[in-house]
Amino acid sequence: MTGAPADTPPGSNRRRPPGRRGRSFGTAACAIALGAPAALLLVRLTGLDATTPLAVPMVFFPCTTVLGVVVLGVTAMVPALRSRWVVVVSAALVIAHVALLAPRFISEYRDVPPDSTELRVATLNADGGGADARAVVELVRTERIDVLAVEQMPSAGVRALRRAGLDELMPYRELHPEYDSSIYSRYPLSDGGTTHVDTAWPQTTAEVSVGGRRTRLVAVHTYYPLGDTERWARDMSALTAVARRSGPDTVFLGDFNASLDHASMRALLAAGLTDVHAELGRGWSRTWPVGLGFVPPLIQLDHVLHGPDLAGVSVGERTVPGTDHRAVVAVLALLPAKDRAT
């Protein structure tokens, strides 16, 4: 008599049905994918990125939130991959991430009087002078920029901007190409120089007079955490010290090499500054890297921060050929005395 025995003999190899094996592999893949959002959530909550190499992956915190949402959606909607514990863990991670990210996507209402004086500012990392000088001048002209902070602009780049006509649009300048950054202005500048703090290179500073108000400007460019995390952390700590000593009419703008999820950036904001993107509900506006073909910008490294006597009116990003950073353009209102923060 032929045919398979009714009972499988002891010791024989049992194989899982193909469908069950596929489900196991899918569940394992989802669990592995949740490792990144879980790890970065722990770093975000504990501030472990402040002086450690964990500062590098921390810039991807919003990206891992998206990954958590994808895993939650897949495991919840695909029966073959459905796993109760994966759904529960991914849902918990997504809720925690959203709770941390949500405030920067909610615009902070602030009653800005319509007759308030406005200051239109922009910042651009010129990528070692690679930014197209004529495009920079056109940006200043079309956006009617009052103050421009330029980082990574060497002497050759300063001369290129002069030849392109920037000096005619912005006759007042605090130029420090030897120190990496410069400030251009339509309005008179005073008390110019550089910060005397422990940063990789001095930060250029000046005061601009607009509408009878003097606003302190700091053109920021910190070291990058991928090169030296401790050096970057000292730069951010030094900027925080400067912010604590600055008055309420202050604008920090530039390439901070930091996102809003870095503990060092949160400490800087806690010193009395407001990020315009987050203030206006645009808390994940990616500015870097640009020019990598099909890869879009993923990280926001460039910011405009201001003190409590100013308010954000608008903010946006502009692409300038020749540099891997997008320019940030912001309109700030100089609040009258009765409307200032108390």
C-alpha atoms as a PDB file:
ATOM      1  CA  MET A   1       0.000   0.000   0.000  1.00  0.00           C
ATOM      2  CA  THR A   2       1.424   3.350  -1.019  1.00  0.00           C
ATOM      3  CA  GLY A   3       0.848   6.904   0.202  1.00  0.00           C
ATOM      4  CA  ALA A   4       1.960   9.154   3.039  1.00  0.00           C
ATOM      5  CA  PRO A   5       1.530   7.845   6.552  1.00  0.00           C
ATOM      6  CA  ALA A   6      -1.247   9.304   8.594  1.00  0.00           C
ATOM      7  CA  ASP A   7       1.147  10.450  11.313  1.00  0.00           C
ATOM      8  CA  THR A   8       4.499  12.064  10.765  1.00  0.00           C
ATOM      9  CA  PRO A   9       7.193   9.851  12.284  1.00  0.00           C
ATOM     10  CA  PRO A  10       9.208  11.309  15.140  1.00  0.00           C
ATOM     11  CA  GLY A  11      12.418  13.027  14.027  1.00  0.00           C
ATOM     12  CA  SER A  12      11.130  13.892  10.564  1.00  0.00           C
ATOM     13  CA  ASN A  13      11.633  17.479   9.319  1.00  0.00           C
ATOM     14  CA  ARG A  14       8.582  19.628   9.747  1.00  0.00           C
ATOM     15  CA  ARG A  15       8.315  22.706   7.593  1.00  0.00           C
ATOM     16  CA  ARG A  16       6.205  25.745   8.192  1.00  0.00           C
ATOM     17  CA  PRO A  17       3.641  26.470   5.507  1.00  0.00           C
ATOM     18  CA  PRO A  18       4.949  29.050   2.998  1.00  0.00           C
ATOM     19  CA  GLY A  19       2.363  31.602   4.119  1.00  0.00           C
ATOM     20  CA  ARG A  20       3.422  31.353   7.748  1.00  0.00           C
ATOM     21  CA  ARG A  21       7.110  31.716   6.839  1.00  0.00           C
ATOM     22  CA  GLY A  22       6.344  34.836   4.822  1.00  0.00           C
ATOM     23  CA  ARG A  23       4.370  36.303   7.708  1.00  0.00           C
ATOM     24  CA  SER A  24       7.258  35.633  10.098  1.00  0.00           C
ATOM     25  CA  PHE A  25       9.741  37.296   7.771  1.00  0.00           C
ATOM     26  CA  GLY A  26       7.420  40.275   7.312  1.00  0.00           C
ATOM     27  CA  THR A  27       6.907  40.688  11.049  1.00  0.00           C
ATOM     28  CA  ALA A  28      10.648  40.497  11.654  1.00  0.00           C
ATOM     29  CA  ALA A  29      11.288  43.123   8.968  1.00  0.00           C
ATOM     30  CA  CYS A  30       8.718  45.458  10.549  1.00  0.00           C
ATOM     31  CA  ALA A  31      10.299  44.942  13.973  1.00  0.00           C
ATOM     32  CA  ILE A  32      13.741  45.773  12.604  1.00  0.00           C
ATOM     33  CA  ALA A  33      12.367  48.886  10.878  1.00  0.00           C
ATOM     34  CA  LEU A  34      11.008  50.110  14.227  1.00  0.00           C
ATOM     35  CA  GLY A  35      14.514  50.046  15.686  1.00  0.00           C
ATOM     36  CA  ALA A  36      15.436  53.422  14.195  1.00  0.00           C
ATOM     37  CA  PRO A  37      12.439  55.430  15.482  1.00  0.00           C
ATOM     38  CA  ALA A  38      12.719  53.716  18.862  1.00  0.00           C
ATOM     39  CA  ALA A  39      16.434  54.478  19.208  1.00  0.00           C
ATOM     40  CA  LEU A  40      16.100  58.119  18.130  1.00  0.00           C
ATOM     41  CA  LEU A  41      13.123  58.608  20.423  1.00  0.00           C
ATOM     42  CA  LEU A  42      15.275  57.466  23.337  1.00  0.00           C
ATOM     43  CA  VAL A  43      18.056  59.858  22.291  1.00  0.00           C
ATOM     44  CA  ARG A  44      15.582  62.709  21.835  1.00  0.00           C
ATOM     45  CA  LEU A  45      14.061  62.196  25.283  1.00  0.00           C
ATOM     46  CA  THR A  46      17.375  61.839  27.111  1.00  0.00           C
ATOM     47  CA  GLY A  47      19.433  64.439  25.231  1.00  0.00           C
ATOM     48  CA  LEU A  48      22.205  61.912  24.605  1.00  0.00           C
ATOM     49  CA  ASP A  49      23.032  63.669  21.340  1.00  0.00           C
ATOM     50  CA  ALA A  50      24.316  66.811  23.078  1.00  0.00           C
ATOM     51  CA  THR A  51      28.004  65.901  23.075  1.00  0.00           C
ATOM     52  CA  THR A  52      28.110  62.508  21.403  1.00  0.00           C
ATOM     53  CA  PRO A  53      28.186  61.189  17.816  1.00  0.00           C
ATOM     54  CA  LEU A  54      24.464  60.491  18.234  1.00  0.00           C
ATOM     55  CA  ALA A  55      24.014  64.096  17.115  1.00  0.00           C
ATOM     56  CA  VAL A  56      24.547  62.915  13.529  1.00  0.00           C
ATOM     57  CA  PRO A  57      21.588  60.500  13.219  1.00  0.00           C
ATOM     58  CA  MET A  58      19.415  62.824  15.327  1.00  0.00           C
ATOM     59  CA  VAL A  59      18.786  65.016  12.283  1.00  0.00           C
ATOM     60  CA  PHE A  60      16.684  62.174  10.852  1.00  0.00           C
ATOM     61  CA  PHE A  61      14.195  62.156  13.735  1.00  0.00           C
ATOM     62  CA  PRO A  62      11.277  63.432  11.588  1.00  0.00           C
ATOM     63  CA  CYS A  63      12.175  60.899   8.872  1.00  0.00           C
ATOM     64  CA  THR A  64      11.941  58.035  11.356  1.00  0.00           C
ATOM     65  CA  THR A  65       8.522  59.321  12.385  1.00  0.00           C
ATOM     66  CA  VAL A  66       7.406  58.781   8.796  1.00  0.00           C
ATOM     67  CA  LEU A  67       8.956  55.306   8.915  1.00  0.00           C
ATOM     68  CA  GLY A  68       6.951  54.492  12.044  1.00  0.00           C
ATOM     69  CA  VAL A  69       3.742  55.629  10.365  1.00  0.00           C
ATOM     70  CA  VAL A  70       4.497  53.418   7.359  1.00  0.00           C
ATOM     71  CA  VAL A  71       5.139  50.352   9.537  1.00  0.00           C
ATOM     72  CA  LEU A  72       1.944  51.016  11.506  1.00  0.00           C
ATOM     73  CA  GLY A  73      -0.084  51.337   8.327  1.00  0.00           C
ATOM     74  CA  VAL A  74       1.359  48.209   6.731  1.00  0.00           C
ATOM     75  CA  THR A  75       0.936  45.993   9.783  1.00  0.00           C
ATOM     76  CA  ALA A  76      -2.577  47.294  10.454  1.00  0.00           C
ATOM     77  CA  MET A  77      -3.883  46.946   6.891  1.00  0.00           C
ATOM     78  CA  VAL A  78      -2.076  43.881   5.510  1.00  0.00           C
ATOM     79  CA  PRO A  79      -3.561  40.738   7.101  1.00  0.00           C
ATOM     80  CA  ALA A  80      -0.559  38.628   6.155  1.00  0.00           C
ATOM     81  CA  LEU A  81       1.737  40.911   8.201  1.00  0.00           C
ATOM     82  CA  ARG A  82      -0.612  41.699  11.027  1.00  0.00           C
ATOM     83  CA  SER A  83       0.958  41.275  14.447  1.00  0.00           C
ATOM     84  CA  ARG A  84      -0.637  42.642  17.570  1.00  0.00           C
ATOM     85  CA  TRP A  85       2.614  43.507  19.297  1.00  0.00           C
ATOM     86  CA  VAL A  86       4.075  45.217  16.220  1.00  0.00           C
ATOM     87  CA  VAL A  87       0.907  47.300  15.834  1.00  0.00           C
ATOM     88  CA  VAL A  88       0.984  48.273  19.525  1.00  0.00           C
ATOM     89  CA  VAL A  89       4.692  49.165  19.542  1.00  0.00           C
ATOM     90  CA  SER A  90       4.549  51.106  16.272  1.00  0.00           C
ATOM     91  CA  ALA A  91       1.436  52.988  17.423  1.00  0.00           C
ATOM     92  CA  ALA A  92       3.133  53.926  20.701  1.00  0.00           C
ATOM     93  CA  LEU A  93       6.220  55.149  18.852  1.00  0.00           C
ATOM     94  CA  VAL A  94       4.183  57.188  16.389  1.00  0.00           C
ATOM     95  CA  ILE A  95       2.190  58.811  19.190  1.00  0.00           C
ATOM     96  CA  ALA A  96       5.377  59.720  21.081  1.00  0.00           C
ATOM     97  CA  HIS A  97       7.022  61.132  17.953  1.00  0.00           C
ATOM     98  CA  VAL A  98       3.954  63.147  16.997  1.00  0.00           C
ATOM     99  CA  ALA A  99       3.679  64.561  20.507  1.00  0.00           C
ATOM    100  CA  LEU A 100       7.237  65.897  20.214  1.00  0.00           C
ATOM    101  CA  LEU A 101       6.886  67.155  16.648  1.00  0.00           C
ATOM    102  CA  ALA A 102       3.357  68.559  16.650  1.00  0.00           C
ATOM    103  CA  PRO A 103       4.093  71.939  18.309  1.00  0.00           C
ATOM    104  CA  ARG A 104       6.354  73.030  15.467  1.00  0.00           C
ATOM    105  CA  PHE A 105       3.562  72.429  12.949  1.00  0.00           C
ATOM    106  CA  ILE A 106       1.061  74.608  14.817  1.00  0.00           C
ATOM    107  CA  SER A 107       1.391  78.283  14.065  1.00  0.00           C
ATOM    108  CA  GLU A 108       1.759  80.467  17.139  1.00  0.00           C
ATOM    109  CA  TYR A 109      -0.814  83.215  16.892  1.00  0.00           C
ATOM    110  CA  ARG A 110       0.598  86.607  17.694  1.00  0.00           C
ATOM    111  CA  ASP A 111      -1.223  89.856  17.076  1.00  0.00           C
ATOM    112  CA  VAL A 112       1.157  91.824  14.873  1.00  0.00           C
ATOM    113  CA  PRO A 113      -0.044  95.422  14.338  1.00  0.00           C
ATOM    114  CA  PRO A 114      -0.376  96.156  10.614  1.00  0.00           C
ATOM    115  CA  ASP A 115       1.763  99.273  10.925  1.00  0.00           C
ATOM    116  CA  SER A 116       4.710  97.408  12.488  1.00  0.00           C
ATOM    117  CA  THR A 117       8.097  97.993  10.906  1.00  0.00           C
ATOM    118  CA  GLU A 118       9.249  94.909   9.033  1.00  0.00           C
ATOM    119  CA  LEU A 119      12.752  93.573   8.603  1.00  0.00           C
ATOM    120  CA  ARG A 120      13.271  91.220   5.662  1.00  0.00           C
ATOM    121  CA  VAL A 121      16.238  88.928   6.284  1.00  0.00           C
ATOM    122  CA  ALA A 122      17.874  86.054   4.461  1.00  0.00           C
ATOM    123  CA  THR A 123      20.673  83.608   5.136  1.00  0.00           C
ATOM    124  CA  LEU A 124      22.655  81.499   2.692  1.00  0.00           C
ATOM    125  CA  ASN A 125      25.534  79.075   3.081  1.00  0.00           C
ATOM    126  CA  ALA A 126      27.486  79.803  -0.104  1.00  0.00           C
ATOM    127  CA  ASP A 127      29.333  76.458  -0.030  1.00  0.00           C
ATOM    128  CA  GLY A 128      32.829  77.903  -0.129  1.00  0.00           C
ATOM    129  CA  GLY A 129      31.859  80.624  -2.590  1.00  0.00           C
ATOM    130  CA  GLY A 130      30.216  78.224  -5.037  1.00  0.00           C
ATOM    131  CA  ALA A 131      26.830  79.982  -4.916  1.00  0.00           C
ATOM    132  CA  ASP A 132      26.016  81.777  -8.168  1.00  0.00           C
ATOM    133  CA  ALA A 133      26.662  85.462  -7.417  1.00  0.00           C
ATOM    134  CA  ARG A 134      24.110  86.754  -9.930  1.00  0.00           C
ATOM    135  CA  ALA A 135      21.461  84.445  -8.466  1.00  0.00           C
ATOM    136  CA  VAL A 136      22.220  85.771  -4.978  1.00  0.00           C
ATOM    137  CA  VAL A 137      21.814  89.357  -6.180  1.00  0.00           C
ATOM    138  CA  GLU A 138      18.571  88.447  -7.948  1.00  0.00           C
ATOM    139  CA  LEU A 139      17.306  86.851  -4.722  1.00  0.00           C
ATOM    140  CA  VAL A 140      18.049  90.047  -2.803  1.00  0.00           C
ATOM    141  CA  ARG A 141      16.342  92.145  -5.465  1.00  0.00           C
ATOM    142  CA  THR A 142      13.176  90.094  -5.950  1.00  0.00           C
ATOM    143  CA  GLU A 143      12.648  89.344  -2.248  1.00  0.00           C
ATOM    144  CA  ARG A 144      13.511  92.938  -1.271  1.00  0.00           C
ATOM    145  CA  ILE A 145      15.932  91.665   1.358  1.00  0.00           C
ATOM    146  CA  ASP A 146      17.066  94.174   3.983  1.00  0.00           C
ATOM    147  CA  VAL A 147      19.738  92.039   5.659  1.00  0.00           C
ATOM    148  CA  LEU A 148      21.654  89.137   4.138  1.00  0.00           C
ATOM    149  CA  ALA A 149      23.913  86.818   6.117  1.00  0.00           C
ATOM    150  CA  VAL A 150      26.303  84.738   4.004  1.00  0.00           C
ATOM    151  CA  GLU A 151      28.299  81.830   5.372  1.00  0.00           C
ATOM    152  CA  GLN A 152      31.239  80.010   3.825  1.00  0.00           C
ATOM    153  CA  MET A 153      31.930  82.961   1.543  1.00  0.00           C
ATOM    154  CA  PRO A 154      35.670  83.511   0.950  1.00  0.00           C
ATOM    155  CA  SER A 155      37.239  86.685  -0.432  1.00  0.00           C
ATOM    156  CA  ALA A 156      36.816  85.511  -4.028  1.00  0.00           C
ATOM    157  CA  GLY A 157      33.089  85.087  -3.412  1.00  0.00           C
ATOM    158  CA  VAL A 158      32.849  88.572  -1.898  1.00  0.00           C
ATOM    159  CA  ARG A 159      34.452  89.999  -5.038  1.00  0.00           C
ATOM    160  CA  ALA A 160      32.041  88.016  -7.228  1.00  0.00           C
ATOM    161  CA  LEU A 161      29.077  89.456  -5.340  1.00  0.00           C
ATOM    162  CA  ARG A 162      30.496  92.944  -5.775  1.00  0.00           C
ATOM    163  CA  ARG A 163      30.862  92.446  -9.531  1.00  0.00           C
ATOM    164  CA  ALA A 164      27.303  91.088  -9.694  1.00  0.00           C
ATOM    165  CA  GLY A 165      25.984  94.330  -8.168  1.00  0.00           C
ATOM    166  CA  LEU A 166      25.254  93.431  -4.549  1.00  0.00           C
ATOM    167  CA  ASP A 167      27.057  96.505  -3.218  1.00  0.00           C
ATOM    168  CA  GLU A 168      24.581  98.771  -5.038  1.00  0.00           C
ATOM    169  CA  LEU A 169      21.611  97.021  -3.440  1.00  0.00           C
ATOM    170  CA  MET A 170      23.243  96.668  -0.030  1.00  0.00           C
ATOM    171  CA  PRO A 171      25.747  99.473   0.527  1.00  0.00           C
ATOM    172  CA  TYR A 172      26.338  98.646   4.208  1.00  0.00           C
ATOM    173  CA  ARG A 173      28.496  95.628   4.963  1.00  0.00           C
ATOM    174  CA  GLU A 174      30.292  93.831   7.763  1.00  0.00           C
ATOM    175  CA  LEU A 175      32.671  91.614   5.818  1.00  0.00           C
ATOM    176  CA  HIS A 176      34.744  88.902   7.435  1.00  0.00           C
ATOM    177  CA  PRO A 177      35.482  86.374   4.694  1.00  0.00           C
ATOM    178  CA  GLU A 178      38.612  85.322   6.557  1.00  0.00           C
ATOM    179  CA  TYR A 179      36.327  84.237   9.414  1.00  0.00           C
ATOM    180  CA  ASP A 180      33.761  82.515   7.175  1.00  0.00           C
ATOM    181  CA  SER A 181      30.698  84.816   7.378  1.00  0.00           C
ATOM    182  CA  SER A 182      29.601  88.319   6.364  1.00  0.00           C
ATOM    183  CA  ILE A 183      26.569  90.572   6.741  1.00  0.00           C
ATOM    184  CA  TYR A 184      25.131  92.808   3.992  1.00  0.00           C
ATOM    185  CA  SER A 185      22.438  95.430   4.613  1.00  0.00           C
ATOM    186  CA  ARG A 186      20.292  98.059   2.902  1.00  0.00           C
ATOM    187  CA  TYR A 187      20.274  99.997   6.160  1.00  0.00           C
ATOM    188  CA  PRO A 188      23.154 101.435   8.167  1.00  0.00           C
ATOM    189  CA  LEU A 189      25.130  98.985  10.287  1.00  0.00           C
ATOM    190  CA  SER A 190      26.953  99.812  13.490  1.00  0.00           C
ATOM    191  CA  ASP A 191      28.887  98.107  16.271  1.00  0.00           C
ATOM    192  CA  GLY A 192      30.168  95.514  13.828  1.00  0.00           C
ATOM    193  CA  GLY A 193      32.726  92.848  14.547  1.00  0.00           C
ATOM    194  CA  THR A 194      32.825  89.240  15.616  1.00  0.00           C
ATOM    195  CA  THR A 195      31.828  87.331  18.713  1.00  0.00           C
ATOM    196  CA  HIS A 196      34.588  86.690  21.239  1.00  0.00           C
ATOM    197  CA  VAL A 197      33.439  83.249  22.288  1.00  0.00           C
ATOM    198  CA  ASP A 198      34.727  79.709  21.893  1.00  0.00           C
ATOM    199  CA  THR A 199      33.547  78.795  18.402  1.00  0.00           C
ATOM    200  CA  ALA A 200      35.437  77.100  15.573  1.00  0.00           C
ATOM    201  CA  TRP A 201      35.541  80.454  13.798  1.00  0.00           C
ATOM    202  CA  PRO A 202      34.260  83.875  14.950  1.00  0.00           C
ATOM    203  CA  GLN A 203      30.605  84.670  14.263  1.00  0.00           C
ATOM    204  CA  THR A 204      30.089  87.995  12.497  1.00  0.00           C
ATOM    205  CA  THR A 205      27.879  90.500  14.336  1.00  0.00           C
ATOM    206  CA  ALA A 206      26.469  93.980  13.723  1.00  0.00           C
ATOM    207  CA  GLU A 207      23.519  96.191  14.599  1.00  0.00           C
ATOM    208  CA  VAL A 208      21.065  97.423  11.988  1.00  0.00           C
ATOM    209  CA  SER A 209      18.944 100.536  12.413  1.00  0.00           C
ATOM    210  CA  VAL A 210      15.402 100.265  10.999  1.00  0.00           C
ATOM    211  CA  GLY A 211      12.428 102.433  11.892  1.00  0.00           C
ATOM    212  CA  GLY A 212      14.240 103.963  14.826  1.00  0.00           C
ATOM    213  CA  ARG A 213      15.025 100.531  16.272  1.00  0.00           C
ATOM    214  CA  ARG A 214      18.413  98.892  16.586  1.00  0.00           C
ATOM    215  CA  THR A 215      18.408  95.142  16.031  1.00  0.00           C
ATOM    216  CA  ARG A 216      21.393  92.989  16.897  1.00  0.00           C
ATOM    217  CA  LEU A 217      22.441  90.552  14.164  1.00  0.00           C
ATOM    218  CA  VAL A 218      24.531  87.399  14.531  1.00  0.00           C
ATOM    219  CA  ALA A 219      25.548  85.573  11.345  1.00  0.00           C
ATOM    220  CA  VAL A 220      25.891  81.969  12.488  1.00  0.00           C
ATOM    221  CA  HIS A 221      27.988  79.121  11.162  1.00  0.00           C
ATOM    222  CA  THR A 222      28.876  76.356  13.574  1.00  0.00           C
ATOM    223  CA  TYR A 223      31.174  73.407  13.110  1.00  0.00           C
ATOM    224  CA  TYR A 224      29.476  70.250  11.879  1.00  0.00           C
ATOM    225  CA  PRO A 225      28.844  67.271  14.196  1.00  0.00           C
ATOM    226  CA  LEU A 226      29.949  64.751  11.583  1.00  0.00           C
ATOM    227  CA  GLY A 227      33.439  66.276  11.660  1.00  0.00           C
ATOM    228  CA  ASP A 228      33.827  66.779  15.418  1.00  0.00           C
ATOM    229  CA  THR A 229      30.842  66.380  17.714  1.00  0.00           C
ATOM    230  CA  GLU A 230      32.539  67.957  20.724  1.00  0.00           C
ATOM    231  CA  ARG A 231      33.638  70.981  18.693  1.00  0.00           C
ATOM    232  CA  TRP A 232      30.094  71.416  17.400  1.00  0.00           C
ATOM    233  CA  ALA A 233      28.704  71.104  20.927  1.00  0.00           C
ATOM    234  CA  ARG A 234      31.069  73.823  22.173  1.00  0.00           C
ATOM    235  CA  ASP A 235      29.985  76.076  19.307  1.00  0.00           C
ATOM    236  CA  MET A 236      26.323  75.624  20.213  1.00  0.00           C
ATOM    237  CA  SER A 237      27.037  76.228  23.908  1.00  0.00           C
ATOM    238  CA  ALA A 238      28.917  79.418  23.022  1.00  0.00           C
ATOM    239  CA  LEU A 239      25.992  80.659  20.929  1.00  0.00           C
ATOM    240  CA  THR A 240      23.656  79.943  23.833  1.00  0.00           C
ATOM    241  CA  ALA A 241      25.847  82.109  26.065  1.00  0.00           C
ATOM    242  CA  VAL A 242      25.708  84.910  23.479  1.00  0.00           C
ATOM    243  CA  ALA A 243      21.912  84.592  23.259  1.00  0.00           C
ATOM    244  CA  ARG A 244      21.558  84.927  27.030  1.00  0.00           C
ATOM    245  CA  ARG A 245      23.486  88.196  26.921  1.00  0.00           C
ATOM    246  CA  SER A 246      21.613  89.541  23.900  1.00  0.00           C
ATOM    247  CA  GLY A 247      18.655  91.859  24.144  1.00  0.00           C
ATOM    248  CA  PRO A 248      15.113  91.172  22.973  1.00  0.00           C
ATOM    249  CA  ASP A 249      15.813  92.835  19.601  1.00  0.00           C
ATOM    250  CA  THR A 250      18.136  90.109  18.359  1.00  0.00           C
ATOM    251  CA  VAL A 251      18.291  87.969  15.218  1.00  0.00           C
ATOM    252  CA  PHE A 252      20.497  84.881  14.879  1.00  0.00           C
ATOM    253  CA  LEU A 253      20.536  83.616  11.317  1.00  0.00           C
ATOM    254  CA  GLY A 254      22.710  81.175   9.448  1.00  0.00           C
ATOM    255  CA  ASP A 255      23.810  77.560   9.163  1.00  0.00           C
ATOM    256  CA  PHE A 256      23.586  76.080  12.654  1.00  0.00           C
ATOM    257  CA  ASN A 257      24.378  72.534  11.492  1.00  0.00           C
ATOM    258  CA  ALA A 258      21.583  71.591  13.882  1.00  0.00           C
ATOM    259  CA  SER A 259      17.923  70.677  13.676  1.00  0.00           C
ATOM    260  CA  LEU A 260      15.138  71.506  16.090  1.00  0.00           C
ATOM    261  CA  ASP A 261      15.493  68.007  17.556  1.00  0.00           C
ATOM    262  CA  HIS A 262      19.044  68.505  18.796  1.00  0.00           C
ATOM    263  CA  ALA A 263      19.363  69.097  22.526  1.00  0.00           C
ATOM    264  CA  SER A 264      21.859  71.904  21.823  1.00  0.00           C
ATOM    265  CA  MET A 265      19.390  73.711  19.568  1.00  0.00           C
ATOM    266  CA  ARG A 266      16.638  73.384  22.154  1.00  0.00           C
ATOM    267  CA  ALA A 267      18.979  74.888  24.746  1.00  0.00           C
ATOM    268  CA  LEU A 268      19.717  77.797  22.402  1.00  0.00           C
ATOM    269  CA  LEU A 269      16.014  78.445  21.885  1.00  0.00           C
ATOM    270  CA  ALA A 270      15.437  78.256  25.645  1.00  0.00           C
ATOM    271  CA  ALA A 271      17.887  81.158  26.018  1.00  0.00           C
ATOM    272  CA  GLY A 272      15.183  83.467  24.661  1.00  0.00           C
ATOM    273  CA  LEU A 273      15.029  82.850  20.916  1.00  0.00           C
ATOM    274  CA  THR A 274      12.244  81.673  18.611  1.00  0.00           C
ATOM    275  CA  ASP A 275      12.674  79.701  15.407  1.00  0.00           C
ATOM    276  CA  VAL A 276      10.610  81.390  12.685  1.00  0.00           C
ATOM    277  CA  HIS A 277       9.796  78.134  10.896  1.00  0.00           C
ATOM    278  CA  ALA A 278       8.366  76.563  14.063  1.00  0.00           C
ATOM    279  CA  GLU A 279       6.658  79.820  15.043  1.00  0.00           C
ATOM    280  CA  LEU A 280       4.744  79.828  11.755  1.00  0.00           C
ATOM    281  CA  GLY A 281       3.981  76.112  11.755  1.00  0.00           C
ATOM    282  CA  ARG A 282       6.596  75.110   9.193  1.00  0.00           C
ATOM    283  CA  GLY A 283       8.810  73.087  11.494  1.00  0.00           C
ATOM    284  CA  TRP A 284      10.259  70.641   8.957  1.00  0.00           C
ATOM    285  CA  SER A 285      11.415  72.820   6.083  1.00  0.00           C
ATOM    286  CA  ARG A 286      14.419  70.975   4.681  1.00  0.00           C
ATOM    287  CA  THR A 287      17.362  73.110   3.568  1.00  0.00           C
ATOM    288  CA  TRP A 288      20.102  70.501   2.983  1.00  0.00           C
ATOM    289  CA  PRO A 289      21.428  68.760   0.927  1.00  0.00           C
ATOM    290  CA  VAL A 290      20.654  70.254  -2.467  1.00  0.00           C
ATOM    291  CA  GLY A 291      21.928  68.959  -5.805  1.00  0.00           C
ATOM    292  CA  LEU A 292      22.060  65.224  -5.149  1.00  0.00           C
ATOM    293  CA  GLY A 293      20.009  64.279  -8.174  1.00  0.00           C
ATOM    294  CA  PHE A 294      16.830  62.430  -7.240  1.00  0.00           C
ATOM    295  CA  VAL A 295      17.493  62.796  -3.477  1.00  0.00           C
ATOM    296  CA  PRO A 296      15.519  65.770  -2.106  1.00  0.00           C
ATOM    297  CA  PRO A 297      16.687  67.914   0.823  1.00  0.00           C
ATOM    298  CA  LEU A 298      16.013  65.995   4.029  1.00  0.00           C
ATOM    299  CA  ILE A 299      17.365  68.114   6.889  1.00  0.00           C
ATOM    300  CA  GLN A 300      16.795  71.617   8.179  1.00  0.00           C
ATOM    301  CA  LEU A 301      20.173  73.032   9.157  1.00  0.00           C
ATOM    302  CA  ASP A 302      19.595  76.691   8.273  1.00  0.00           C
ATOM    303  CA  HIS A 303      17.480  78.823  10.590  1.00  0.00           C
ATOM    304  CA  VAL A 304      16.350  82.329  11.445  1.00  0.00           C
ATOM    305  CA  LEU A 305      15.922  82.846  15.190  1.00  0.00           C
ATOM    306  CA  HIS A 306      14.716  86.037  16.846  1.00  0.00           C
ATOM    307  CA  GLY A 307      14.246  87.587  20.260  1.00  0.00           C
ATOM    308  CA  PRO A 308      10.909  88.269  21.999  1.00  0.00           C
ATOM    309  CA  ASP A 309      10.504  91.857  20.713  1.00  0.00           C
ATOM    310  CA  LEU A 310      10.145  90.580  17.155  1.00  0.00           C
ATOM    311  CA  ALA A 311       7.600  88.291  15.537  1.00  0.00           C
ATOM    312  CA  GLY A 312       7.706  86.129  12.448  1.00  0.00           C
ATOM    313  CA  VAL A 313       5.445  87.213   9.594  1.00  0.00           C
ATOM    314  CA  SER A 314       6.527  84.814   6.851  1.00  0.00           C
ATOM    315  CA  VAL A 315       9.334  82.404   6.030  1.00  0.00           C
ATOM    316  CA  GLY A 316      10.364  80.354   3.021  1.00  0.00           C
ATOM    317  CA  GLU A 317      13.261  78.617   1.292  1.00  0.00           C
ATOM    318  CA  ARG A 318      14.836  79.479  -2.027  1.00  0.00           C
ATOM    319  CA  THR A 319      17.187  77.424  -4.185  1.00  0.00           C
ATOM    320  CA  VAL A 320      20.366  79.187  -5.312  1.00  0.00           C
ATOM    321  CA  PRO A 321      22.506  77.438  -7.964  1.00  0.00           C
ATOM    322  CA  GLY A 322      26.001  76.413  -6.943  1.00  0.00           C
ATOM    323  CA  THR A 323      25.446  75.638  -3.271  1.00  0.00           C
ATOM    324  CA  ASP A 324      24.209  72.576  -1.404  1.00  0.00           C
ATOM    325  CA  HIS A 325      22.107  74.686   0.993  1.00  0.00           C
ATOM    326  CA  ARG A 326      18.813  76.409   0.326  1.00  0.00           C
ATOM    327  CA  ALA A 327      18.524  80.047   1.342  1.00  0.00           C
ATOM    328  CA  VAL A 328      16.069  80.927   4.088  1.00  0.00           C
ATOM    329  CA  VAL A 329      14.071  84.148   3.639  1.00  0.00           C
ATOM    330  CA  ALA A 330      12.080  85.505   6.588  1.00  0.00           C
ATOM    331  CA  VAL A 331      10.031  88.613   7.267  1.00  0.00           C
ATOM    332  CA  LEU A 332      10.145  89.797  10.877  1.00  0.00           C
ATOM    333  CA  ALA A 333       7.954  92.431  12.498  1.00  0.00           C
ATOM    334  CA  LEU A 334       9.539  94.800  15.001  1.00  0.00           C
ATOM    335  CA  LEU A 335       6.811  94.977  17.614  1.00  0.00           C
ATOM    336  CA  PRO A 336       5.795  98.290  19.161  1.00  0.00           C
ATOM    337  CA  ALA A 337       6.388  98.657  22.903  1.00  0.00           C
ATOM    338  CA  LYS A 338       2.782  97.863  23.840  1.00  0.00           C
ATOM    339  CA  ASP A 339       2.840  94.576  21.917  1.00  0.00           C
ATOM    340  CA  ARG A 340       6.188  93.245  23.087  1.00  0.00           C
ATOM    341  CA  ALA A 341       6.568  90.197  25.278  1.00  0.00           C
ATOM    342  CA  THR A 342       6.646  90.936  28.988  1.00  0.00           C
END
